[in-house]
PDB file of N, CA and C in Angstrom:
ATOM      1  N   MET A   1     -70.627   7.699 -27.954  1.00  0.00           N
ATOM      2  CA  MET A   1     -70.935   6.420 -28.538  1.00  0.00           C
ATOM      3  C   MET A   1     -72.398   6.126 -28.326  1.00  0.00           C
ATOM      4  N   TYR A   2     -72.968   5.438 -29.255  1.00  0.00           N
ATOM      5  CA  TYR A   2     -74.374   5.083 -29.128  1.00  0.00           C
ATOM      6  C   TYR A   2     -74.551   3.650 -29.577  1.00  0.00           C
ATOM      7  N   VAL A   3     -75.172   2.868 -28.758  1.00  0.00           N
ATOM      8  CA  VAL A   3     -75.541   1.513 -29.131  1.00  0.00           C
ATOM      9  C   VAL A   3     -77.043   1.441 -28.990  1.00  0.00           C
ATOM     10  N   ARG A   4     -77.736   1.196 -30.097  1.00  0.00           N
ATOM     11  CA  ARG A   4     -79.206   1.182 -30.088  1.00  0.00           C
ATOM     12  C   ARG A   4     -79.727   0.239 -29.003  1.00  0.00           C
ATOM     13  N   GLY A   5     -80.641   0.747 -28.212  1.00  0.00           N
ATOM     14  CA  GLY A   5     -81.246  -0.055 -27.170  1.00  0.00           C
ATOM     15  C   GLY A   5     -80.442  -0.126 -25.886  1.00  0.00           C
ATOM     16  N   ARG A   6     -79.293   0.518 -25.846  1.00  0.00           N
ATOM     17  CA  ARG A   6     -78.462   0.453 -24.640  1.00  0.00           C
ATOM     18  C   ARG A   6     -78.248   1.824 -24.022  1.00  0.00           C
ATOM     19  N   GLY A   7     -78.952   2.815 -24.446  1.00  0.00           N
ATOM     20  CA  GLY A   7     -78.761   4.153 -23.898  1.00  0.00           C
ATOM     21  C   GLY A   7     -77.876   4.978 -24.809  1.00  0.00           C
ATOM     22  N   THR A   8     -77.601   6.166 -24.397  1.00  0.00           N
ATOM     23  CA  THR A   8     -76.759   7.058 -25.183  1.00  0.00           C
ATOM     24  C   THR A   8     -75.687   7.661 -24.296  1.00  0.00           C
ATOM     25  N   ALA A   9     -74.676   8.211 -24.908  1.00  0.00           N
ATOM     26  CA  ALA A   9     -73.633   8.891 -24.143  1.00  0.00           C
ATOM     27  C   ALA A   9     -74.248  10.022 -23.332  1.00  0.00           C
ATOM     28  N   ARG A  10     -75.230  10.677 -23.891  1.00  0.00           N
ATOM     29  CA  ARG A  10     -75.851  11.803 -23.196  1.00  0.00           C
ATOM     30  C   ARG A  10     -76.566  11.349 -21.930  1.00  0.00           C
ATOM     31  N   SER A  11     -77.330  10.272 -22.010  1.00  0.00           N
ATOM     32  CA  SER A  11     -78.070   9.835 -20.826  1.00  0.00           C
ATOM     33  C   SER A  11     -77.143   9.258 -19.758  1.00  0.00           C
ATOM     34  N   ASP A  12     -75.994   8.759 -20.170  1.00  0.00           N
ATOM     35  CA  ASP A  12     -75.045   8.212 -19.208  1.00  0.00           C
ATOM     36  C   ASP A  12     -73.956   9.213 -18.859  1.00  0.00           C
ATOM     37  N   ARG A  13     -74.002  10.379 -19.461  1.00  0.00           N
ATOM     38  CA  ARG A  13     -73.060  11.463 -19.200  1.00  0.00           C
ATOM     39  C   ARG A  13     -71.609  11.060 -19.452  1.00  0.00           C
ATOM     40  N   GLN A  14     -71.392  10.253 -20.481  1.00  0.00           N
ATOM     41  CA  GLN A  14     -70.044   9.850 -20.856  1.00  0.00           C
ATOM     42  C   GLN A  14     -69.921   9.969 -22.366  1.00  0.00           C
ATOM     43  N   ALA A  15     -68.855  10.590 -22.816  1.00  0.00           N
ATOM     44  CA  ALA A  15     -68.653  10.721 -24.253  1.00  0.00           C
ATOM     45  C   ALA A  15     -67.208  11.083 -24.544  1.00  0.00           C
ATOM     46  N   ALA A  16     -66.800  10.777 -25.734  1.00  0.00           N
ATOM     47  CA  ALA A  16     -65.500  11.193 -26.244  1.00  0.00           C
ATOM     48  C   ALA A  16     -65.688  11.434 -27.728  1.00  0.00           C
ATOM     49  N   GLY A  17     -65.128  12.500 -28.229  1.00  0.00           N
ATOM     50  CA  GLY A  17     -65.293  12.744 -29.653  1.00  0.00           C
ATOM     51  C   GLY A  17     -64.483  13.920 -30.150  1.00  0.00           C
ATOM     52  N   THR A  18     -64.442  14.039 -31.448  1.00  0.00           N
ATOM     53  CA  THR A  18     -63.792  15.146 -32.131  1.00  0.00           C
ATOM     54  C   THR A  18     -64.445  15.268 -33.495  1.00  0.00           C
ATOM     55  N   THR A  19     -64.174  16.327 -34.172  1.00  0.00           N
ATOM     56  CA  THR A  19     -64.720  16.480 -35.516  1.00  0.00           C
ATOM     57  C   THR A  19     -63.894  15.665 -36.497  1.00  0.00           C
ATOM     58  N   LEU A  20     -64.518  15.234 -37.572  1.00  0.00           N
ATOM     59  CA  LEU A  20     -63.796  14.475 -38.592  1.00  0.00           C
ATOM     60  C   LEU A  20     -62.853  15.359 -39.392  1.00  0.00           C
ATOM     61  N   THR A  21     -62.964  16.676 -39.216  1.00  0.00           N
ATOM     62  CA  THR A  21     -62.070  17.582 -39.934  1.00  0.00           C
ATOM     63  C   THR A  21     -60.734  17.760 -39.207  1.00  0.00           C
ATOM     64  N   ARG A  22     -60.582  17.140 -38.067  1.00  0.00           N
ATOM     65  CA  ARG A  22     -59.301  17.180 -37.357  1.00  0.00           C
ATOM     66  C   ARG A  22     -58.258  16.414 -38.163  1.00  0.00           C
ATOM     67  N   ALA A  23     -57.016  16.600 -37.790  1.00  0.00           N
ATOM     68  CA  ALA A  23     -55.942  15.859 -38.449  1.00  0.00           C
ATOM     69  C   ALA A  23     -56.220  14.364 -38.328  1.00  0.00           C
ATOM     70  N   PRO A  24     -55.964  13.596 -39.375  1.00  0.00           N
ATOM     71  CA  PRO A  24     -56.235  12.155 -39.318  1.00  0.00           C
ATOM     72  C   PRO A  24     -55.579  11.469 -38.125  1.00  0.00           C
ATOM     73  N   GLY A  25     -54.396  11.916 -37.738  1.00  0.00           N
ATOM     74  CA  GLY A  25     -53.729  11.323 -36.584  1.00  0.00           C
ATOM     75  C   GLY A  25     -54.496  11.530 -35.299  1.00  0.00           C
ATOM     76  N   THR A  26     -55.158  12.673 -35.164  1.00  0.00           N
ATOM     77  CA  THR A  26     -55.965  12.964 -33.979  1.00  0.00           C
ATOM     78  C   THR A  26     -57.167  12.033 -33.913  1.00  0.00           C
ATOM     79  N   VAL A  27     -57.847  11.881 -35.031  1.00  0.00           N
ATOM     80  CA  VAL A  27     -59.022  11.002 -35.087  1.00  0.00           C
ATOM     81  C   VAL A  27     -58.597   9.560 -34.813  1.00  0.00           C
ATOM     82  N   ARG A  28     -57.495   9.128 -35.397  1.00  0.00           N
ATOM     83  CA  ARG A  28     -56.993   7.765 -35.208  1.00  0.00           C
ATOM     84  C   ARG A  28     -56.609   7.530 -33.740  1.00  0.00           C
ATOM     85  N   PHE A  29     -55.945   8.513 -33.125  1.00  0.00           N
ATOM     86  CA  PHE A  29     -55.556   8.389 -31.723  1.00  0.00           C
ATOM     87  C   PHE A  29     -56.787   8.208 -30.837  1.00  0.00           C
ATOM     88  N   LEU A  30     -57.789   9.051 -31.032  1.00  0.00           N
ATOM     89  CA  LEU A  30     -58.994   8.966 -30.209  1.00  0.00           C
ATOM     90  C   LEU A  30     -59.698   7.629 -30.424  1.00  0.00           C
ATOM     91  N   HIS A  31     -59.821   7.204 -31.663  1.00  0.00           N
ATOM     92  CA  HIS A  31     -60.455   5.922 -31.965  1.00  0.00           C
ATOM     93  C   HIS A  31     -59.712   4.783 -31.269  1.00  0.00           C
ATOM     94  N   ASP A  32     -58.388   4.758 -31.424  1.00  0.00           N
ATOM     95  CA  ASP A  32     -57.585   3.690 -30.836  1.00  0.00           C
ATOM     96  C   ASP A  32     -57.672   3.705 -29.304  1.00  0.00           C
ATOM     97  N   LEU A  33     -57.672   4.892 -28.716  1.00  0.00           N
ATOM     98  CA  LEU A  33     -57.772   5.004 -27.265  1.00  0.00           C
ATOM     99  C   LEU A  33     -59.096   4.439 -26.759  1.00  0.00           C
ATOM    100  N   VAL A  34     -60.182   4.841 -27.383  1.00  0.00           N
ATOM    101  CA  VAL A  34     -61.504   4.363 -26.959  1.00  0.00           C
ATOM    102  C   VAL A  34     -61.599   2.847 -27.138  1.00  0.00           C
ATOM    103  N   GLU A  35     -61.089   2.327 -28.247  1.00  0.00           N
ATOM    104  CA  GLU A  35     -61.122   0.877 -28.467  1.00  0.00           C
ATOM    105  C   GLU A  35     -60.306   0.141 -27.408  1.00  0.00           C
ATOM    106  N   GLU A  36     -59.154   0.680 -27.050  1.00  0.00           N
ATOM    107  CA  GLU A  36     -58.329   0.063 -26.007  1.00  0.00           C
ATOM    108  C   GLU A  36     -59.046   0.075 -24.664  1.00  0.00           C
ATOM    109  N   LEU A  37     -59.688   1.196 -24.325  1.00  0.00           N
ATOM    110  CA  LEU A  37     -60.406   1.294 -23.055  1.00  0.00           C
ATOM    111  C   LEU A  37     -61.563   0.307 -22.994  1.00  0.00           C
ATOM    112  N   LYS A  38     -62.236   0.082 -24.124  1.00  0.00           N
ATOM    113  CA  LYS A  38     -63.313  -0.907 -24.157  1.00  0.00           C
ATOM    114  C   LYS A  38     -62.760  -2.321 -24.085  1.00  0.00           C
ATOM    115  N   ALA A  39     -61.703  -2.614 -24.854  1.00  0.00           N
ATOM    116  CA  ALA A  39     -61.142  -3.963 -24.926  1.00  0.00           C
ATOM    117  C   ALA A  39     -60.536  -4.417 -23.600  1.00  0.00           C
ATOM    118  N   THR A  40     -59.954  -3.490 -22.849  1.00  0.00           N
ATOM    119  CA  THR A  40     -59.330  -3.855 -21.572  1.00  0.00           C
ATOM    120  C   THR A  40     -60.335  -3.952 -20.428  1.00  0.00           C
ATOM    121  N   GLY A  41     -61.587  -3.585 -20.696  1.00  0.00           N
ATOM    122  CA  GLY A  41     -62.609  -3.645 -19.655  1.00  0.00           C
ATOM    123  C   GLY A  41     -62.695  -2.384 -18.816  1.00  0.00           C
ATOM    124  N   PHE A  42     -61.883  -1.370 -19.141  1.00  0.00           N
ATOM    125  CA  PHE A  42     -61.885  -0.140 -18.360  1.00  0.00           C
ATOM    126  C   PHE A  42     -63.264   0.521 -18.361  1.00  0.00           C
ATOM    127  N   VAL A  43     -63.895   0.575 -19.527  1.00  0.00           N
ATOM    128  CA  VAL A  43     -65.211   1.236 -19.625  1.00  0.00           C
ATOM    129  C   VAL A  43     -66.252   0.466 -18.816  1.00  0.00           C
ATOM    130  N   ALA A  44     -66.300  -0.861 -18.999  1.00  0.00           N
ATOM    131  CA  ALA A  44     -67.271  -1.671 -18.255  1.00  0.00           C
ATOM    132  C   ALA A  44     -67.031  -1.562 -16.750  1.00  0.00           C
ATOM    133  N   ASP A  45     -65.774  -1.583 -16.345  1.00  0.00           N
ATOM    134  CA  ASP A  45     -65.441  -1.472 -14.920  1.00  0.00           C
ATOM    135  C   ASP A  45     -65.854  -0.117 -14.366  1.00  0.00           C
ATOM    136  N   SER A  46     -65.620   0.927 -15.140  1.00  0.00           N
ATOM    137  CA  SER A  46     -66.010   2.277 -14.702  1.00  0.00           C
ATOM    138  C   SER A  46     -67.520   2.376 -14.539  1.00  0.00           C
ATOM    139  N   LEU A  47     -68.250   1.781 -15.466  1.00  0.00           N
ATOM    140  CA  LEU A  47     -69.713   1.782 -15.363  1.00  0.00           C
ATOM    141  C   LEU A  47     -70.150   1.028 -14.114  1.00  0.00           C
ATOM    142  N   ARG A  48     -69.552  -0.122 -13.889  1.00  0.00           N
ATOM    143  CA  ARG A  48     -69.893  -0.936 -12.720  1.00  0.00           C
ATOM    144  C   ARG A  48     -69.627  -0.169 -11.424  1.00  0.00           C
ATOM    145  N   ARG A  49     -68.457   0.488 -11.336  1.00  0.00           N
ATOM    146  CA  ARG A  49     -68.115   1.247 -10.128  1.00  0.00           C
ATOM    147  C   ARG A  49     -69.072   2.405  -9.881  1.00  0.00           C
ATOM    148  N   SER A  50     -69.659   2.945 -10.960  1.00  0.00           N
ATOM    149  CA  SER A  50     -70.574   4.076 -10.796  1.00  0.00           C
ATOM    150  C   SER A  50     -72.019   3.617 -10.601  1.00  0.00           C
ATOM    151  N   GLY A  51     -72.222   2.292 -10.475  1.00  0.00           N
ATOM    152  CA  GLY A  51     -73.559   1.781 -10.225  1.00  0.00           C
ATOM    153  C   GLY A  51     -74.384   1.573 -11.479  1.00  0.00           C
ATOM    154  N   ARG A  52     -73.774   1.650 -12.628  1.00  0.00           N
ATOM    155  CA  ARG A  52     -74.472   1.440 -13.893  1.00  0.00           C
ATOM    156  C   ARG A  52     -74.171   0.032 -14.415  1.00  0.00           C
ATOM    157  N   SER A  53     -75.024  -0.428 -15.294  1.00  0.00           N
ATOM    158  CA  SER A  53     -74.831  -1.742 -15.898  1.00  0.00           C
ATOM    159  C   SER A  53     -73.697  -1.689 -16.918  1.00  0.00           C
ATOM    160  N   GLU A  54     -72.783  -2.659 -16.816  1.00  0.00           N
ATOM    161  CA  GLU A  54     -71.682  -2.699 -17.780  1.00  0.00           C
ATOM    162  C   GLU A  54     -72.183  -2.996 -19.188  1.00  0.00           C
ATOM    163  N   SER A  55     -73.417  -3.464 -19.315  1.00  0.00           N
ATOM    164  CA  SER A  55     -73.979  -3.724 -20.643  1.00  0.00           C
ATOM    165  C   SER A  55     -74.215  -2.447 -21.429  1.00  0.00           C
ATOM    166  N   LEU A  56     -74.107  -1.293 -20.771  1.00  0.00           N
ATOM    167  CA  LEU A  56     -74.241  -0.016 -21.478  1.00  0.00           C
ATOM    168  C   LEU A  56     -73.034   0.276 -22.372  1.00  0.00           C
ATOM    169  N   ALA A  57     -71.921  -0.389 -22.098  1.00  0.00           N
ATOM    170  CA  ALA A  57     -70.704  -0.156 -22.872  1.00  0.00           C
ATOM    171  C   ALA A  57     -70.838  -0.780 -24.249  1.00  0.00           C
ATOM    172  N   ALA A  58     -70.485  -0.032 -25.273  1.00  0.00           N
ATOM    173  CA  ALA A  58     -70.449  -0.584 -26.610  1.00  0.00           C
ATOM    174  C   ALA A  58     -69.328  -1.614 -26.671  1.00  0.00           C
ATOM    175  N   PRO A  59     -69.515  -2.703 -27.413  1.00  0.00           N
ATOM    176  CA  PRO A  59     -68.451  -3.708 -27.489  1.00  0.00           C
ATOM    177  C   PRO A  59     -67.259  -3.193 -28.300  1.00  0.00           C
ATOM    178  N   PRO A  60     -66.068  -3.737 -28.052  1.00  0.00           N
ATOM    179  CA  PRO A  60     -64.912  -3.338 -28.849  1.00  0.00           C
ATOM    180  C   PRO A  60     -65.133  -3.663 -30.317  1.00  0.00           C
ATOM    181  N   GLY A  61     -64.466  -2.894 -31.145  1.00  0.00           N
ATOM    182  CA  GLY A  61     -64.517  -3.171 -32.577  1.00  0.00           C
ATOM    183  C   GLY A  61     -65.456  -2.324 -33.268  1.00  0.00           C
TER     184      GLY A  61
END
């Protein structure tokens, strides 16, 4: 994930992804999982626990 001005997945060593040529269900599952992790605060909490700013997390949606 990349949010302009907030760093990149590479610099924060966190990423999730797949190719768009995967089965639509696979892409949908990954998208829904990442959105759930952001919406529940899991991503922000993980960043906080690792000493990073939770503002690095892209917002849900």
